[in-house]
C-alpha atoms as a PDB file:
ATOM      1  CA  MET A   1     109.477  60.387  96.393  1.00  0.00           C
ATOM      2  CA  GLN A   2     105.658  60.319  96.061  1.00  0.00           C
ATOM      3  CA  ASN A   3     104.565  57.778  93.701  1.00  0.00           C
ATOM      4  CA  GLY A   4     107.404  57.906  91.658  1.00  0.00           C
ATOM      5  CA  THR A   5     107.607  61.552  91.809  1.00  0.00           C
ATOM      6  CA  ASP A   6     110.622  63.744  92.838  1.00  0.00           C
ATOM      7  CA  LEU A   7     109.490  66.515  95.301  1.00  0.00           C
ATOM      8  CA  TYR A   8     112.380  68.765  94.568  1.00  0.00           C
ATOM      9  CA  ALA A   9     110.897  68.426  90.423  1.00  0.00           C
ATOM     10  CA  LEU A  10     107.713  70.223  91.715  1.00  0.00           C
ATOM     11  CA  ASP A  11     107.309  74.209  90.810  1.00  0.00           C
ATOM     12  CA  ILE A  12     106.628  75.820  93.950  1.00  0.00           C
ATOM     13  CA  SER A  13     106.894  79.337  92.210  1.00  0.00           C
ATOM     14  CA  GLY A  14     103.183  79.565  93.557  1.00  0.00           C
ATOM     15  CA  ALA A  15     103.583  78.447  96.747  1.00  0.00           C
ATOM     16  CA  SER A  16     101.701  79.803  99.526  1.00  0.00           C
ATOM     17  CA  PHE A  17     103.467  79.776 103.032  1.00  0.00           C
ATOM     18  CA  VAL A  18     102.883  80.489 106.316  1.00  0.00           C
ATOM     19  CA  LYS A  19     104.621  80.783 109.690  1.00  0.00           C
ATOM     20  CA  ALA A  20     103.928  78.853 112.225  1.00  0.00           C
ATOM     21  CA  CYS A  21     106.009  79.938 115.432  1.00  0.00           C
ATOM     22  CA  GLY A  22     106.959  78.697 119.234  1.00  0.00           C
ATOM     23  CA  GLY A  23     106.970  81.988 120.323  1.00  0.00           C
ATOM     24  CA  PRO A  24     107.412  85.132 119.233  1.00  0.00           C
ATOM     25  CA  CYS A  25     108.464  85.948 115.741  1.00  0.00           C
ATOM     26  CA  THR A  26     110.837  87.913 116.170  1.00  0.00           C
ATOM     27  CA  GLU A  27     113.541  84.616 115.726  1.00  0.00           C
ATOM     28  CA  GLY A  28     112.542  83.263 112.827  1.00  0.00           C
ATOM     29  CA  CYS A  29     110.209  80.882 112.014  1.00  0.00           C
ATOM     30  CA  VAL A  30     108.533  78.198 109.848  1.00  0.00           C
ATOM     31  CA  THR A  31     106.403  78.497 107.105  1.00  0.00           C
ATOM     32  CA  LEU A  32     104.863  75.080 104.909  1.00  0.00           C
ATOM     33  CA  ALA A  33     102.957  75.288 101.843  1.00  0.00           C
ATOM     34  CA  PRO A  34     100.881  73.143 100.368  1.00  0.00           C
ATOM     35  CA  ILE A  35     102.557  72.093  97.071  1.00  0.00           C
ATOM     36  CA  GLY A  36     100.689  69.061  96.017  1.00  0.00           C
ATOM     37  CA  ASP A  37      98.938  66.528  96.620  1.00  0.00           C
ATOM     38  CA  GLY A  38      99.742  65.847 100.049  1.00  0.00           C
ATOM     39  CA  VAL A  39     103.148  67.161  99.236  1.00  0.00           C
ATOM     40  CA  TRP A  40     104.646  69.761 101.594  1.00  0.00           C
ATOM     41  CA  ALA A  41     107.307  73.097 101.534  1.00  0.00           C
ATOM     42  CA  LEU A  42     108.701  73.768 104.918  1.00  0.00           C
ATOM     43  CA  GLY A  43     111.004  76.925 104.666  1.00  0.00           C
ATOM     44  CA  ASP A  44     112.565  78.852 107.488  1.00  0.00           C
ATOM     45  CA  SER A  45     111.761  82.659 107.651  1.00  0.00           C
ATOM     46  CA  LYS A  46     115.217  83.557 109.035  1.00  0.00           C
ATOM     47  CA  ARG A  47     116.408  81.916 105.309  1.00  0.00           C
ATOM     48  CA  PRO A  48     113.950  83.595 102.729  1.00  0.00           C
ATOM     49  CA  GLY A  49     116.580  82.747 100.233  1.00  0.00           C
ATOM     50  CA  ALA A  50     116.733  79.395 100.779  1.00  0.00           C
ATOM     51  CA  GLU A  51     115.903  76.630  99.638  1.00  0.00           C
ATOM     52  CA  PRO A  52     112.307  74.977 101.198  1.00  0.00           C
ATOM     53  CA  LEU A  53     112.678  71.251 101.898  1.00  0.00           C
ATOM     54  CA  ARG A  54     110.194  69.131 100.477  1.00  0.00           C
ATOM     55  CA  PHE A  55     108.571  66.261 102.437  1.00  0.00           C
ATOM     56  CA  THR A  56     105.195  63.836 102.231  1.00  0.00           C
ATOM     57  CA  THR A  57     102.455  64.130 104.819  1.00  0.00           C
ATOM     58  CA  GLU A  58     103.929  61.323 105.848  1.00  0.00           C
ATOM     59  CA  GLU A  59     106.909  62.397 106.492  1.00  0.00           C
ATOM     60  CA  LEU A  60     105.572  65.254 108.458  1.00  0.00           C
ATOM     61  CA  ASP A  61     103.819  62.910 110.547  1.00  0.00           C
ATOM     62  CA  ALA A  62     106.867  61.101 111.627  1.00  0.00           C
ATOM     63  CA  ALA A  63     109.330  64.025 112.747  1.00  0.00           C
ATOM     64  CA  GLY A  64     106.323  65.479 114.433  1.00  0.00           C
ATOM     65  CA  ILE A  65     105.015  68.299 112.113  1.00  0.00           C
ATOM     66  CA  ASP A  66     101.566  69.190 112.303  1.00  0.00           C
ATOM     67  CA  PRO A  67     100.074  71.012 108.846  1.00  0.00           C
ATOM     68  CA  ALA A  68      97.365  72.059 111.050  1.00  0.00           C
ATOM     69  CA  ARG A  69      99.145  73.907 113.374  1.00  0.00           C
ATOM     70  CA  PHE A  70      99.952  76.354 110.378  1.00  0.00           C
ATOM     71  CA  GLY A  71      96.106  76.772 110.198  1.00  0.00           C
ATOM     72  CA  LEU A  72      96.148  74.062 107.007  1.00  0.00           C
ATOM     73  CA  ASN A  73      94.726  71.341 106.167  1.00  0.00           C
ATOM     74  CA  VAL A  74      95.812  67.593 105.578  1.00  0.00           C
END
């Protein structure tokens, strides 16, 4: 939780997801969208109906996920 906020309570209906692929995007890609100040939604293009996971910037850093790879600024 960030500042006591439940990340899954945040509305992501207007989030704009971008893809980052490790190679040709034929098998699916990871998608990422900023959903608040220092908060991100991480999805899977192979499963577009699945609820995206939510992370803080610190959690993405710990997992080795860099929003810059998606063309996004932190």
